[in-house]
Amino acid sequence: MAELPDLNLPQLFAALEVSDISAINGIASLANILRRNGLISVPDVSALLQSMSLPLSLPRHADNPAVQEIQLHLDQLFAQIIAAD
């Protein structure tokens, strides 16, 4: 395996951000596909959103405007999935 280059802090934060966005979009896309095909119920989609939201609501994160923006994005994505009927 090749050695990783020395990354600076902004590069590491950017990589983490992109990784998180990719994971969130992948999970939401999968939930949407399952919902459209009748393979996941509204309560299960809601439970998925709740489990993804739990770390964002922890006291050490809840007041962070960036975390609040992520939560809003999650809420909007999953509202569309739930309303897909």
PDB file of N, CA and C in Angstrom:
ATOM      1  N   MET A   1       0.843  -1.181   0.000  1.00  0.00           N
ATOM      2  CA  MET A   1       0.000   0.000   0.000  1.00  0.00           C
ATOM      3  C   MET A   1       0.885   1.240   0.000  1.00  0.00           C
ATOM      4  N   ALA A   2       0.552   2.191  -0.811  1.00  0.00           N
ATOM      5  CA  ALA A   2       1.326   3.427  -0.907  1.00  0.00           C
ATOM      6  C   ALA A   2       1.141   4.266   0.345  1.00  0.00           C
ATOM      7  N   GLU A   3       2.179   4.980   0.691  1.00  0.00           N
ATOM      8  CA  GLU A   3       2.093   5.869   1.848  1.00  0.00           C
ATOM      9  C   GLU A   3       1.182   7.050   1.530  1.00  0.00           C
ATOM     10  N   LEU A   4       0.454   7.465   2.539  1.00  0.00           N
ATOM     11  CA  LEU A   4      -0.406   8.638   2.384  1.00  0.00           C
ATOM     12  C   LEU A   4       0.452   9.898   2.403  1.00  0.00           C
ATOM     13  N   PRO A   5       0.112  10.854   1.587  1.00  0.00           N
ATOM     14  CA  PRO A   5       0.865  12.120   1.625  1.00  0.00           C
ATOM     15  C   PRO A   5       0.578  12.858   2.931  1.00  0.00           C
ATOM     16  N   ASP A   6       1.485  13.731   3.288  1.00  0.00           N
ATOM     17  CA  ASP A   6       1.240  14.575   4.452  1.00  0.00           C
ATOM     18  C   ASP A   6       0.111  15.542   4.110  1.00  0.00           C
ATOM     19  N   LEU A   7      -0.955  15.453   4.868  1.00  0.00           N
ATOM     20  CA  LEU A   7      -2.105  16.321   4.632  1.00  0.00           C
ATOM     21  C   LEU A   7      -2.155  17.395   5.703  1.00  0.00           C
ATOM     22  N   ASN A   8      -2.563  18.579   5.304  1.00  0.00           N
ATOM     23  CA  ASN A   8      -2.723  19.635   6.294  1.00  0.00           C
ATOM     24  C   ASN A   8      -4.148  19.587   6.849  1.00  0.00           C
ATOM     25  N   LEU A   9      -4.383  20.335   7.893  1.00  0.00           N
ATOM     26  CA  LEU A   9      -5.687  20.312   8.560  1.00  0.00           C
ATOM     27  C   LEU A   9      -6.848  20.667   7.633  1.00  0.00           C
ATOM     28  N   PRO A  10      -6.764  21.720   6.829  1.00  0.00           N
ATOM     29  CA  PRO A  10      -7.877  22.012   5.919  1.00  0.00           C
ATOM     30  C   PRO A  10      -8.181  20.855   4.958  1.00  0.00           C
ATOM     31  N   GLN A  11      -7.141  20.169   4.487  1.00  0.00           N
ATOM     32  CA  GLN A  11      -7.360  19.031   3.594  1.00  0.00           C
ATOM     33  C   GLN A  11      -8.067  17.892   4.328  1.00  0.00           C
ATOM     34  N   LEU A  12      -7.661  17.639   5.562  1.00  0.00           N
ATOM     35  CA  LEU A  12      -8.301  16.585   6.353  1.00  0.00           C
ATOM     36  C   LEU A  12      -9.759  16.917   6.634  1.00  0.00           C
ATOM     37  N   PHE A  13     -10.035  18.164   7.009  1.00  0.00           N
ATOM     38  CA  PHE A  13     -11.420  18.568   7.271  1.00  0.00           C
ATOM     39  C   PHE A  13     -12.269  18.487   6.008  1.00  0.00           C
ATOM     40  N   ALA A  14     -11.706  18.883   4.879  1.00  0.00           N
ATOM     41  CA  ALA A  14     -12.438  18.792   3.613  1.00  0.00           C
ATOM     42  C   ALA A  14     -12.740  17.340   3.276  1.00  0.00           C
ATOM     43  N   ALA A  15     -11.775  16.458   3.491  1.00  0.00           N
ATOM     44  CA  ALA A  15     -11.987  15.034   3.219  1.00  0.00           C
ATOM     45  C   ALA A  15     -13.065  14.457   4.131  1.00  0.00           C
ATOM     46  N   LEU A  16     -13.053  14.831   5.394  1.00  0.00           N
ATOM     47  CA  LEU A  16     -14.088  14.365   6.324  1.00  0.00           C
ATOM     48  C   LEU A  16     -15.461  14.874   5.916  1.00  0.00           C
ATOM     49  N   GLU A  17     -15.538  16.135   5.524  1.00  0.00           N
ATOM     50  CA  GLU A  17     -16.810  16.718   5.113  1.00  0.00           C
ATOM     51  C   GLU A  17     -17.371  16.002   3.888  1.00  0.00           C
ATOM     52  N   VAL A  18     -16.528  15.784   2.898  1.00  0.00           N
ATOM     53  CA  VAL A  18     -16.968  15.110   1.677  1.00  0.00           C
ATOM     54  C   VAL A  18     -17.387  13.672   1.982  1.00  0.00           C
ATOM     55  N   SER A  19     -16.647  13.012   2.846  1.00  0.00           N
ATOM     56  CA  SER A  19     -16.986  11.647   3.232  1.00  0.00           C
ATOM     57  C   SER A  19     -18.342  11.597   3.929  1.00  0.00           C
ATOM     58  N   ASP A  20     -18.585  12.530   4.836  1.00  0.00           N
ATOM     59  CA  ASP A  20     -19.868  12.586   5.545  1.00  0.00           C
ATOM     60  C   ASP A  20     -21.022  12.853   4.588  1.00  0.00           C
ATOM     61  N   ILE A  21     -20.840  13.797   3.686  1.00  0.00           N
ATOM     62  CA  ILE A  21     -21.891  14.124   2.720  1.00  0.00           C
ATOM     63  C   ILE A  21     -22.181  12.921   1.833  1.00  0.00           C
ATOM     64  N   SER A  22     -21.132  12.250   1.408  1.00  0.00           N
ATOM     65  CA  SER A  22     -21.294  11.068   0.565  1.00  0.00           C
ATOM     66  C   SER A  22     -22.075   9.982   1.303  1.00  0.00           C
ATOM     67  N   ALA A  23     -21.741   9.759   2.568  1.00  0.00           N
ATOM     68  CA  ALA A  23     -22.439   8.738   3.357  1.00  0.00           C
ATOM     69  C   ALA A  23     -23.907   9.112   3.560  1.00  0.00           C
ATOM     70  N   ILE A  24     -24.171  10.360   3.900  1.00  0.00           N
ATOM     71  CA  ILE A  24     -25.552  10.813   4.108  1.00  0.00           C
ATOM     72  C   ILE A  24     -26.359  10.658   2.828  1.00  0.00           C
ATOM     73  N   ASN A  25     -25.798  11.096   1.711  1.00  0.00           N
ATOM     74  CA  ASN A  25     -26.516  10.983   0.442  1.00  0.00           C
ATOM     75  C   ASN A  25     -26.738   9.528   0.052  1.00  0.00           C
ATOM     76  N   GLY A  26     -25.762   8.670   0.304  1.00  0.00           N
ATOM     77  CA  GLY A  26     -25.912   7.251  -0.004  1.00  0.00           C
ATOM     78  C   GLY A  26     -27.004   6.600   0.821  1.00  0.00           C
ATOM     79  N   ILE A  27     -27.042   6.895   2.108  1.00  0.00           N
ATOM     80  CA  ILE A  27     -28.075   6.335   2.986  1.00  0.00           C
ATOM     81  C   ILE A  27     -29.449   6.851   2.582  1.00  0.00           C
ATOM     82  N   ALA A  28     -29.544   8.145   2.310  1.00  0.00           N
ATOM     83  CA  ALA A  28     -30.829   8.719   1.896  1.00  0.00           C
ATOM     84  C   ALA A  28     -31.280   8.141   0.558  1.00  0.00           C
ATOM     85  N   SER A  29     -30.358   7.964  -0.368  1.00  0.00           N
ATOM     86  CA  SER A  29     -30.713   7.384  -1.667  1.00  0.00           C
ATOM     87  C   SER A  29     -31.206   5.952  -1.515  1.00  0.00           C
ATOM     88  N   LEU A  30     -30.528   5.183  -0.696  1.00  0.00           N
ATOM     89  CA  LEU A  30     -30.954   3.806  -0.453  1.00  0.00           C
ATOM     90  C   LEU A  30     -32.333   3.765   0.197  1.00  0.00           C
ATOM     91  N   ALA A  31     -32.553   4.616   1.192  1.00  0.00           N
ATOM     92  CA  ALA A  31     -33.868   4.680   1.842  1.00  0.00           C
ATOM     93  C   ALA A  31     -34.944   5.067   0.836  1.00  0.00           C
ATOM     94  N   ASN A  32     -34.633   5.999  -0.050  1.00  0.00           N
ATOM     95  CA  ASN A  32     -35.591   6.429  -1.067  1.00  0.00           C
ATOM     96  C   ASN A  32     -35.925   5.288  -2.030  1.00  0.00           C
ATOM     97  N   ILE A  33     -34.923   4.567  -2.483  1.00  0.00           N
ATOM     98  CA  ILE A  33     -35.150   3.427  -3.383  1.00  0.00           C
ATOM     99  C   ILE A  33     -35.993   2.363  -2.691  1.00  0.00           C
ATOM    100  N   LEU A  34     -35.647   2.045  -1.453  1.00  0.00           N
ATOM    101  CA  LEU A  34     -36.415   1.045  -0.707  1.00  0.00           C
ATOM    102  C   LEU A  34     -37.852   1.499  -0.503  1.00  0.00           C
ATOM    103  N   ARG A  35     -38.037   2.773  -0.211  1.00  0.00           N
ATOM    104  CA  ARG A  35     -39.385   3.325   0.008  1.00  0.00           C
ATOM    105  C   ARG A  35     -40.212   3.272  -1.272  1.00  0.00           C
ATOM    106  N   ARG A  36     -39.625   3.682  -2.386  1.00  0.00           N
ATOM    107  CA  ARG A  36     -40.331   3.654  -3.676  1.00  0.00           C
ATOM    108  C   ARG A  36     -40.755   2.241  -4.056  1.00  0.00           C
ATOM    109  N   ASN A  37     -39.964   1.259  -3.671  1.00  0.00           N
ATOM    110  CA  ASN A  37     -40.260  -0.129  -4.005  1.00  0.00           C
ATOM    111  C   ASN A  37     -41.046  -0.852  -2.916  1.00  0.00           C
ATOM    112  N   GLY A  38     -41.515  -0.097  -1.918  1.00  0.00           N
ATOM    113  CA  GLY A  38     -42.327  -0.680  -0.856  1.00  0.00           C
ATOM    114  C   GLY A  38     -41.571  -1.629   0.053  1.00  0.00           C
ATOM    115  N   LEU A  39     -40.266  -1.451   0.152  1.00  0.00           N
ATOM    116  CA  LEU A  39     -39.441  -2.362   0.940  1.00  0.00           C
ATOM    117  C   LEU A  39     -39.050  -1.802   2.302  1.00  0.00           C
ATOM    118  N   ILE A  40     -39.465  -0.573   2.568  1.00  0.00           N
ATOM    119  CA  ILE A  40     -39.215   0.022   3.884  1.00  0.00           C
ATOM    120  C   ILE A  40     -40.421   0.890   4.228  1.00  0.00           C
ATOM    121  N   SER A  41     -40.850   0.804   5.466  1.00  0.00           N
ATOM    122  CA  SER A  41     -42.042   1.532   5.910  1.00  0.00           C
ATOM    123  C   SER A  41     -41.675   2.935   6.396  1.00  0.00           C
ATOM    124  N   VAL A  42     -42.694   3.773   6.518  1.00  0.00           N
ATOM    125  CA  VAL A  42     -42.484   5.127   7.051  1.00  0.00           C
ATOM    126  C   VAL A  42     -41.885   5.073   8.459  1.00  0.00           C
ATOM    127  N   PRO A  43     -42.401   4.209   9.366  1.00  0.00           N
ATOM    128  CA  PRO A  43     -41.765   4.150  10.687  1.00  0.00           C
ATOM    129  C   PRO A  43     -40.287   3.746  10.628  1.00  0.00           C
ATOM    130  N   ASP A  44     -39.942   2.860   9.707  1.00  0.00           N
ATOM    131  CA  ASP A  44     -38.539   2.469   9.582  1.00  0.00           C
ATOM    132  C   ASP A  44     -37.682   3.608   9.030  1.00  0.00           C
ATOM    133  N   VAL A  45     -38.214   4.366   8.080  1.00  0.00           N
ATOM    134  CA  VAL A  45     -37.486   5.533   7.557  1.00  0.00           C
ATOM    135  C   VAL A  45     -37.310   6.561   8.677  1.00  0.00           C
ATOM    136  N   SER A  46     -38.354   6.756   9.474  1.00  0.00           N
ATOM    137  CA  SER A  46     -38.270   7.693  10.604  1.00  0.00           C
ATOM    138  C   SER A  46     -37.238   7.228  11.623  1.00  0.00           C
ATOM    139  N   ALA A  47     -37.190   5.921  11.874  1.00  0.00           N
ATOM    140  CA  ALA A  47     -36.201   5.379  12.811  1.00  0.00           C
ATOM    141  C   ALA A  47     -34.784   5.574  12.276  1.00  0.00           C
ATOM    142  N   LEU A  48     -34.617   5.427  10.976  1.00  0.00           N
ATOM    143  CA  LEU A  48     -33.315   5.655  10.354  1.00  0.00           C
ATOM    144  C   LEU A  48     -32.887   7.110  10.530  1.00  0.00           C
ATOM    145  N   LEU A  49     -33.807   8.028  10.273  1.00  0.00           N
ATOM    146  CA  LEU A  49     -33.514   9.453  10.478  1.00  0.00           C
ATOM    147  C   LEU A  49     -33.161   9.726  11.933  1.00  0.00           C
ATOM    148  N   GLN A  50     -33.920   9.134  12.848  1.00  0.00           N
ATOM    149  CA  GLN A  50     -33.661   9.351  14.271  1.00  0.00           C
ATOM    150  C   GLN A  50     -32.264   8.856  14.650  1.00  0.00           C
ATOM    151  N   SER A  51     -31.870   7.693  14.140  1.00  0.00           N
ATOM    152  CA  SER A  51     -30.546   7.169  14.485  1.00  0.00           C
ATOM    153  C   SER A  51     -29.427   8.021  13.885  1.00  0.00           C
ATOM    154  N   MET A  52     -29.669   8.584  12.708  1.00  0.00           N
ATOM    155  CA  MET A  52     -28.666   9.464  12.100  1.00  0.00           C
ATOM    156  C   MET A  52     -28.608  10.818  12.808  1.00  0.00           C
ATOM    157  N   SER A  53     -29.729  11.243  13.380  1.00  0.00           N
ATOM    158  CA  SER A  53     -29.812  12.550  14.034  1.00  0.00           C
ATOM    159  C   SER A  53     -29.286  12.536  15.463  1.00  0.00           C
ATOM    160  N   LEU A  54     -29.276  11.373  16.087  1.00  0.00           N
ATOM    161  CA  LEU A  54     -28.901  11.296  17.497  1.00  0.00           C
ATOM    162  C   LEU A  54     -27.543  11.933  17.798  1.00  0.00           C
ATOM    163  N   PRO A  55     -26.478  11.599  17.077  1.00  0.00           N
ATOM    164  CA  PRO A  55     -25.193  12.233  17.393  1.00  0.00           C
ATOM    165  C   PRO A  55     -25.204  13.749  17.191  1.00  0.00           C
ATOM    166  N   LEU A  56     -26.031  14.210  16.259  1.00  0.00           N
ATOM    167  CA  LEU A  56     -26.095  15.646  15.985  1.00  0.00           C
ATOM    168  C   LEU A  56     -26.782  16.413  17.108  1.00  0.00           C
ATOM    169  N   SER A  57     -27.602  15.717  17.880  1.00  0.00           N
ATOM    170  CA  SER A  57     -28.355  16.382  18.943  1.00  0.00           C
ATOM    171  C   SER A  57     -27.656  16.324  20.301  1.00  0.00           C
ATOM    172  N   LEU A  58     -26.496  15.698  20.359  1.00  0.00           N
ATOM    173  CA  LEU A  58     -25.767  15.650  21.626  1.00  0.00           C
ATOM    174  C   LEU A  58     -25.402  17.066  22.060  1.00  0.00           C
ATOM    175  N   PRO A  59     -25.424  17.332  23.373  1.00  0.00           N
ATOM    176  CA  PRO A  59     -25.187  18.695  23.862  1.00  0.00           C
ATOM    177  C   PRO A  59     -23.913  19.351  23.328  1.00  0.00           C
ATOM    178  N   ARG A  60     -22.861  18.593  23.150  1.00  0.00           N
ATOM    179  CA  ARG A  60     -21.599  19.203  22.694  1.00  0.00           C
ATOM    180  C   ARG A  60     -21.636  19.606  21.226  1.00  0.00           C
ATOM    181  N   HIS A  61     -22.666  19.140  20.483  1.00  0.00           N
ATOM    182  CA  HIS A  61     -22.773  19.457  19.059  1.00  0.00           C
ATOM    183  C   HIS A  61     -23.982  20.317  18.708  1.00  0.00           C
ATOM    184  N   ALA A  62     -25.018  20.247  19.504  1.00  0.00           N
ATOM    185  CA  ALA A  62     -26.319  20.819  19.134  1.00  0.00           C
ATOM    186  C   ALA A  62     -26.282  22.329  18.876  1.00  0.00           C
ATOM    187  N   ASP A  63     -25.393  23.056  19.524  1.00  0.00           N
ATOM    188  CA  ASP A  63     -25.342  24.512  19.344  1.00  0.00           C
ATOM    189  C   ASP A  63     -24.450  24.949  18.180  1.00  0.00           C
ATOM    190  N   ASN A  64     -23.817  24.011  17.539  1.00  0.00           N
ATOM    191  CA  ASN A  64     -22.915  24.320  16.431  1.00  0.00           C
ATOM    192  C   ASN A  64     -23.741  24.608  15.173  1.00  0.00           C
ATOM    193  N   PRO A  65     -23.616  25.801  14.585  1.00  0.00           N
ATOM    194  CA  PRO A  65     -24.401  26.131  13.392  1.00  0.00           C
ATOM    195  C   PRO A  65     -24.180  25.164  12.225  1.00  0.00           C
ATOM    196  N   ALA A  66     -22.976  24.642  12.074  1.00  0.00           N
ATOM    197  CA  ALA A  66     -22.710  23.682  10.995  1.00  0.00           C
ATOM    198  C   ALA A  66     -23.470  22.379  11.234  1.00  0.00           C
ATOM    199  N   VAL A  67     -23.536  21.955  12.485  1.00  0.00           N
ATOM    200  CA  VAL A  67     -24.286  20.742  12.833  1.00  0.00           C
ATOM    201  C   VAL A  67     -25.776  20.981  12.618  1.00  0.00           C
ATOM    202  N   GLN A  68     -26.246  22.161  12.978  1.00  0.00           N
ATOM    203  CA  GLN A  68     -27.659  22.495  12.762  1.00  0.00           C
ATOM    204  C   GLN A  68     -28.002  22.472  11.274  1.00  0.00           C
ATOM    205  N   GLU A  69     -27.075  22.909  10.437  1.00  0.00           N
ATOM    206  CA  GLU A  69     -27.293  22.884   8.992  1.00  0.00           C
ATOM    207  C   GLU A  69     -27.378  21.443   8.478  1.00  0.00           C
ATOM    208  N   ILE A  70     -26.517  20.581   8.990  1.00  0.00           N
ATOM    209  CA  ILE A  70     -26.568  19.167   8.610  1.00  0.00           C
ATOM    210  C   ILE A  70     -27.898  18.559   9.034  1.00  0.00           C
ATOM    211  N   GLN A  71     -28.352  18.883  10.246  1.00  0.00           N
ATOM    212  CA  GLN A  71     -29.631  18.354  10.727  1.00  0.00           C
ATOM    213  C   GLN A  71     -30.781  18.821   9.842  1.00  0.00           C
ATOM    214  N   LEU A  72     -30.765  20.081   9.460  1.00  0.00           N
ATOM    215  CA  LEU A  72     -31.801  20.608   8.572  1.00  0.00           C
ATOM    216  C   LEU A  72     -31.789  19.866   7.237  1.00  0.00           C
ATOM    217  N   HIS A  73     -30.609  19.631   6.696  1.00  0.00           N
ATOM    218  CA  HIS A  73     -30.459  18.893   5.439  1.00  0.00           C
ATOM    219  C   HIS A  73     -31.030  17.479   5.578  1.00  0.00           C
ATOM    220  N   LEU A  74     -30.693  16.804   6.665  1.00  0.00           N
ATOM    221  CA  LEU A  74     -31.232  15.461   6.909  1.00  0.00           C
ATOM    222  C   LEU A  74     -32.753  15.483   7.000  1.00  0.00           C
ATOM    223  N   ASP A  75     -33.282  16.420   7.765  1.00  0.00           N
ATOM    224  CA  ASP A  75     -34.735  16.524   7.929  1.00  0.00           C
ATOM    225  C   ASP A  75     -35.428  16.731   6.584  1.00  0.00           C
ATOM    226  N   GLN A  76     -34.850  17.589   5.748  1.00  0.00           N
ATOM    227  CA  GLN A  76     -35.446  17.858   4.436  1.00  0.00           C
ATOM    228  C   GLN A  76     -35.372  16.634   3.525  1.00  0.00           C
ATOM    229  N   LEU A  77     -34.229  15.960   3.510  1.00  0.00           N
ATOM    230  CA  LEU A  77     -34.084  14.760   2.688  1.00  0.00           C
ATOM    231  C   LEU A  77     -35.098  13.690   3.080  1.00  0.00           C
ATOM    232  N   PHE A  78     -35.184  13.434   4.375  1.00  0.00           N
ATOM    233  CA  PHE A  78     -36.054  12.357   4.834  1.00  0.00           C
ATOM    234  C   PHE A  78     -37.526  12.741   4.766  1.00  0.00           C
ATOM    235  N   ALA A  79     -37.843  14.021   4.851  1.00  0.00           N
ATOM    236  CA  ALA A  79     -39.237  14.454   4.661  1.00  0.00           C
ATOM    237  C   ALA A  79     -39.688  14.132   3.242  1.00  0.00           C
ATOM    238  N   GLN A  80     -38.799  14.326   2.282  1.00  0.00           N
ATOM    239  CA  GLN A  80     -39.131  13.998   0.891  1.00  0.00           C
ATOM    240  C   GLN A  80     -39.306  12.496   0.706  1.00  0.00           C
ATOM    241  N   ILE A  81     -38.480  11.715   1.370  1.00  0.00           N
ATOM    242  CA  ILE A  81     -38.583  10.254   1.262  1.00  0.00           C
ATOM    243  C   ILE A  81     -39.900   9.775   1.860  1.00  0.00           C
ATOM    244  N   ILE A  82     -40.251  10.312   3.021  1.00  0.00           N
ATOM    245  CA  ILE A  82     -41.485   9.901   3.697  1.00  0.00           C
ATOM    246  C   ILE A  82     -42.704  10.338   2.903  1.00  0.00           C
ATOM    247  N   ALA A  83     -42.641  11.510   2.282  1.00  0.00           N
ATOM    248  CA  ALA A  83     -43.790  12.047   1.538  1.00  0.00           C
ATOM    249  C   ALA A  83     -43.922  11.445   0.145  1.00  0.00           C
ATOM    250  N   ALA A  84     -43.100  10.488  -0.194  1.00  0.00           N
ATOM    251  CA  ALA A  84     -43.061   9.947  -1.556  1.00  0.00           C
ATOM    252  C   ALA A  84     -44.281   9.111  -1.935  1.00  0.00           C
ATOM    253  N   ASP A  85     -45.233   8.973  -1.061  1.00  0.00           N
ATOM    254  CA  ASP A  85     -46.431   8.161  -1.380  1.00  0.00           C
ATOM    255  C   ASP A  85     -47.261   8.771  -2.469  1.00  0.00           C
TER     256      ASP A  85
END
